[in-house]
């Protein structure tokens, strides 16, 4: 089944929506980066500092999409933007891997960080909704760059969860190794997503919901009589 045709008026509306999404993403992640790096420095938490730097990567990714949709013909710049987002994935994976291995090799005492726990928990609330909204918009536009940026937000969700888990386990049980081990899993996911984006293959767990919606629509349509 071919993709539905998007009218010029609808496309203009979706373009405005993309600009709003990336604007909100940039603003939120700048604040998140400042809070996370500050909290990480105060608590001597490499995981929190890494979380803050991940927010910087997300800002770069969202900025690339914002730049694309300020062009007169956004679709023309699709491939370049997706490549930039893929590089952002690789950069994040490299940092998280080095930081995690260093932490495992000589884990230092990490202090409790209620501020860090709070910002990680908040991201687990904000980012899933934002990623879902952005991915649906990108899918309707058939924009790989917008969908790839939504996957960058999904990676933030994974990282938020592992940082939150690591901070809680350290706080409750003194397990310094928990967070860097979980972060290595995130680094693996970042490499995988970066490779998919670089190759132009952009999929998402949200696609499953899309297929279900499509199946429902197909069932509701009257069957043609041959």
Protein backbone atom coordinates (compact mmCIF):
# COMPACT_ATOMS: atom_id res chain seq x y z
CA UNK A 1 0.00 0.00 0.00
CA UNK A 2 1.40 3.39 -1.01
CA UNK A 3 1.86 6.12 1.57
CA UNK A 4 -0.97 8.67 1.77
CA UNK A 5 -0.37 11.90 -0.13
CA UNK A 6 0.36 14.88 2.12
CA UNK A 7 -1.21 18.09 0.85
CA UNK A 8 0.82 21.30 0.68
CA UNK A 9 -1.26 22.81 3.51
CA UNK A 10 -0.78 19.75 5.73
CA UNK A 11 2.94 19.67 4.93
CA UNK A 12 3.28 23.31 6.01
CA UNK A 13 1.51 22.45 9.29
CA UNK A 14 3.86 19.50 9.87
CA UNK A 15 6.88 21.69 9.14
CA UNK A 16 5.72 24.13 11.82
CA UNK A 17 5.21 21.23 14.21
CA UNK A 18 8.77 19.98 13.59
CA UNK A 19 10.12 23.47 14.36
CA UNK A 20 8.15 23.52 17.63
CA UNK A 21 9.37 20.04 18.61
CA UNK A 22 13.04 20.78 17.98
CA UNK A 23 12.72 24.17 19.67
CA UNK A 24 11.30 22.55 22.79
CA UNK A 25 13.91 19.77 22.62
CA UNK A 26 16.79 22.24 22.44
CA UNK A 27 15.45 24.35 25.33
CA UNK A 28 14.75 21.36 27.57
CA UNK A 29 18.09 19.69 26.89
CA UNK A 30 20.12 22.84 27.49
CA UNK A 31 18.49 23.06 30.95
CA UNK A 32 18.94 19.31 31.48
CA UNK A 33 22.62 19.49 30.52
CA UNK A 34 23.32 22.31 32.97
CA UNK A 35 21.49 20.55 35.83
CA UNK A 36 22.99 17.11 35.13
CA UNK A 37 26.59 18.31 34.75
CA UNK A 38 26.27 20.45 37.89
CA UNK A 39 24.77 17.57 39.88
CA UNK A 40 27.38 15.16 38.50
CA UNK A 41 30.24 17.45 39.46
CA UNK A 42 28.86 17.90 42.98
CA UNK A 43 28.39 14.15 43.45
CA UNK A 44 31.55 13.06 41.56
CA UNK A 45 29.25 11.05 39.26
CA UNK A 46 30.67 10.31 35.83
CA UNK A 47 27.30 8.86 34.84
CA UNK A 48 25.48 12.10 35.56
CA UNK A 49 28.13 14.12 33.73
CA UNK A 50 27.78 11.72 30.79
CA UNK A 51 24.02 12.16 30.96
CA UNK A 52 24.50 15.91 30.73
CA UNK A 53 26.82 15.54 27.73
CA UNK A 54 24.22 13.30 26.10
CA UNK A 55 21.84 16.24 26.38
CA UNK A 56 24.41 18.33 24.49
CA UNK A 57 24.46 15.67 21.73
CA UNK A 58 20.65 15.81 21.58
CA UNK A 59 20.84 19.59 21.21
CA UNK A 60 23.20 19.16 18.26
CA UNK A 61 20.87 16.59 16.69
CA UNK A 62 17.79 18.79 17.16
CA UNK A 63 19.72 21.79 15.85
CA UNK A 64 20.57 19.86 12.69
CA UNK A 65 16.87 19.15 12.10
CA UNK A 66 15.96 22.76 12.91
CA UNK A 67 18.54 23.93 10.36
CA UNK A 68 17.12 21.55 7.77
CA UNK A 69 13.59 22.89 8.18
CA UNK A 70 14.71 26.49 7.84
CA UNK A 71 15.80 25.68 4.28
CA UNK A 72 13.47 26.56 1.43
CA UNK A 73 13.39 22.90 0.39
CA UNK A 74 13.89 20.78 3.57
CA UNK A 75 13.68 17.47 1.70
CA UNK A 76 16.78 18.40 -0.30
CA UNK A 77 18.88 18.41 2.89
CA UNK A 78 17.46 15.14 4.26
CA UNK A 79 20.50 12.96 3.62
CA UNK A 80 23.01 15.42 5.10
CA UNK A 81 20.93 15.86 8.26
CA UNK A 82 20.58 12.11 8.81
CA UNK A 83 24.36 11.72 8.50
CA UNK A 84 24.88 14.42 11.15
CA UNK A 85 22.49 12.63 13.50
CA UNK A 86 24.30 9.33 12.89
CA UNK A 87 27.61 10.96 13.83
CA UNK A 88 25.95 12.28 17.02
CA UNK A 89 25.01 8.69 17.90
CA UNK A 90 28.61 7.52 17.37
CA UNK A 91 30.02 10.38 19.43
CA UNK A 92 27.70 9.58 22.32
CA UNK A 93 28.57 5.87 22.15
CA UNK A 94 32.31 6.66 22.19
CA UNK A 95 32.04 8.88 25.24
CA UNK A 96 29.79 6.52 27.21
CA UNK A 97 32.07 3.56 26.44
CA UNK A 98 35.27 5.32 27.54
CA UNK A 99 33.61 6.75 30.63
CA UNK A 100 32.09 3.40 31.63
CA UNK A 101 35.34 1.45 31.21
CA UNK A 102 37.22 4.08 33.20
CA UNK A 103 34.62 3.88 35.96
CA UNK A 104 34.82 0.08 36.07
CA UNK A 105 38.62 0.14 36.11
CA UNK A 106 38.82 2.39 39.14
CA UNK A 107 35.38 3.23 40.46
CA UNK A 108 35.44 6.24 42.75
CA UNK A 109 33.03 6.89 45.56
CA UNK A 110 29.89 8.52 44.20
CA UNK A 111 27.89 10.70 46.57
CA UNK A 112 24.10 10.66 46.75
CA UNK A 113 22.46 13.05 44.30
CA UNK A 114 18.76 13.83 44.83
CA UNK A 115 19.08 16.49 42.11
CA UNK A 116 20.48 13.92 39.67
CA UNK A 117 17.74 11.43 40.53
CA UNK A 118 15.15 14.14 39.99
CA UNK A 119 16.36 15.24 36.54
CA UNK A 120 16.72 11.62 35.35
CA UNK A 121 13.20 10.79 36.56
CA UNK A 122 11.79 13.91 34.87
CA UNK A 123 13.36 12.88 31.57
CA UNK A 124 11.63 9.51 31.82
CA UNK A 125 8.33 11.41 31.85
CA UNK A 126 9.02 14.10 29.25
CA UNK A 127 11.08 12.26 26.61
CA UNK A 128 8.75 9.31 25.77
CA UNK A 129 5.89 11.70 24.96
CA UNK A 130 8.15 14.00 22.95
CA UNK A 131 9.74 11.11 21.02
CA UNK A 132 6.33 9.62 20.19
CA UNK A 133 5.03 13.00 18.97
CA UNK A 134 8.13 13.62 16.86
CA UNK A 135 8.21 10.16 15.33
CA UNK A 136 4.56 10.31 14.26
CA UNK A 137 5.21 13.72 12.69
CA UNK A 138 8.30 12.44 10.88
CA UNK A 139 6.46 9.35 9.66
CA UNK A 140 3.64 11.45 8.20
CA UNK A 141 6.20 13.68 6.50
CA UNK A 142 8.18 10.60 5.45
CA UNK A 143 11.24 12.39 6.87
CA UNK A 144 14.10 10.13 7.91
CA UNK A 145 15.90 12.98 9.65
CA UNK A 146 12.92 13.76 11.91
CA UNK A 147 12.45 10.07 12.71
CA UNK A 148 16.18 9.69 13.39
CA UNK A 149 16.04 12.65 15.79
CA UNK A 150 13.12 10.95 17.54
CA UNK A 151 15.33 7.89 17.98
CA UNK A 152 17.93 10.15 19.56
CA UNK A 153 15.26 11.02 22.14
CA UNK A 154 14.54 7.31 22.64
CA UNK A 155 18.21 6.80 23.44
CA UNK A 156 17.89 9.55 26.05
CA UNK A 157 15.08 7.51 27.60
CA UNK A 158 17.33 4.44 27.84
CA UNK A 159 20.16 6.52 29.27
CA UNK A 160 17.83 8.26 31.75
CA UNK A 161 16.65 4.86 32.96
CA UNK A 162 20.15 3.46 33.40
CA UNK A 163 21.43 6.60 35.13
CA UNK A 164 18.43 6.62 37.45
CA UNK A 165 18.86 2.91 38.20
CA UNK A 166 22.58 3.33 38.82
CA UNK A 167 22.06 6.28 41.15
CA UNK A 168 19.37 4.43 43.09
CA UNK A 169 21.42 1.24 43.39
CA UNK A 170 24.44 3.24 44.53
CA UNK A 171 22.30 5.16 47.02
CA UNK A 172 20.49 2.10 48.41
CA UNK A 173 23.18 -0.61 48.20
CA UNK A 174 26.48 1.13 47.45
CA UNK A 175 26.85 -0.63 44.07
CA UNK A 176 29.25 1.69 42.21
CA UNK A 177 29.53 -0.68 39.24
CA UNK A 178 25.80 -0.81 38.40
CA UNK A 179 25.58 2.39 36.39
CA UNK A 180 28.67 1.97 34.14
CA UNK A 181 27.60 -1.58 33.26
CA UNK A 182 24.13 -0.41 32.26
CA UNK A 183 25.63 2.53 30.36
CA UNK A 184 27.67 0.10 28.22
CA UNK A 185 24.38 -1.37 27.03
CA UNK A 186 23.28 2.12 26.03
CA UNK A 187 26.56 2.60 24.12
CA UNK A 188 25.85 -0.60 22.17
CA UNK A 189 22.37 0.65 21.31
CA UNK A 190 23.80 4.02 20.23
CA UNK A 191 26.19 2.33 17.80
CA UNK A 192 23.37 0.21 16.37
CA UNK A 193 21.07 3.20 15.91
CA UNK A 194 23.92 5.24 14.41
CA UNK A 195 24.64 2.52 11.85
CA UNK A 196 20.96 2.34 10.90
CA UNK A 197 20.72 6.12 10.51
CA UNK A 198 23.95 6.23 8.47
CA UNK A 199 22.55 3.59 6.14
CA UNK A 200 19.21 5.39 5.85
CA UNK A 201 17.31 2.67 7.73
CA UNK A 202 15.20 4.44 10.32
CA UNK A 203 12.89 2.22 12.34
CA UNK A 204 11.40 2.67 15.76
CA UNK A 205 9.44 0.77 18.40
CA UNK A 206 6.68 3.31 17.63
CA UNK A 207 6.37 1.70 14.18
CA UNK A 208 4.60 -1.20 15.87
CA UNK A 209 1.87 1.19 17.01
CA UNK A 210 1.70 2.60 13.50
CA UNK A 211 1.21 -0.86 11.99
CA UNK A 212 -1.56 -1.57 14.48
CA UNK A 213 -3.28 1.70 13.58
CA UNK A 214 -2.98 0.87 9.89
CA UNK A 215 -4.42 -2.61 10.43
CA UNK A 216 -7.41 -1.08 12.22
CA UNK A 217 -7.97 1.34 9.35
CA UNK A 218 -7.81 -1.51 6.83
CA UNK A 219 -10.40 -3.47 8.80
CA UNK A 220 -12.75 -0.46 8.93
CA UNK A 221 -12.63 0.12 5.17
CA UNK A 222 -15.38 -1.67 3.19
CA UNK A 223 -14.02 -4.48 1.08
CA UNK A 224 -14.12 -3.93 -2.65
CA UNK A 225 -16.28 -6.40 -4.56
CA UNK A 226 -14.51 -7.85 -7.53
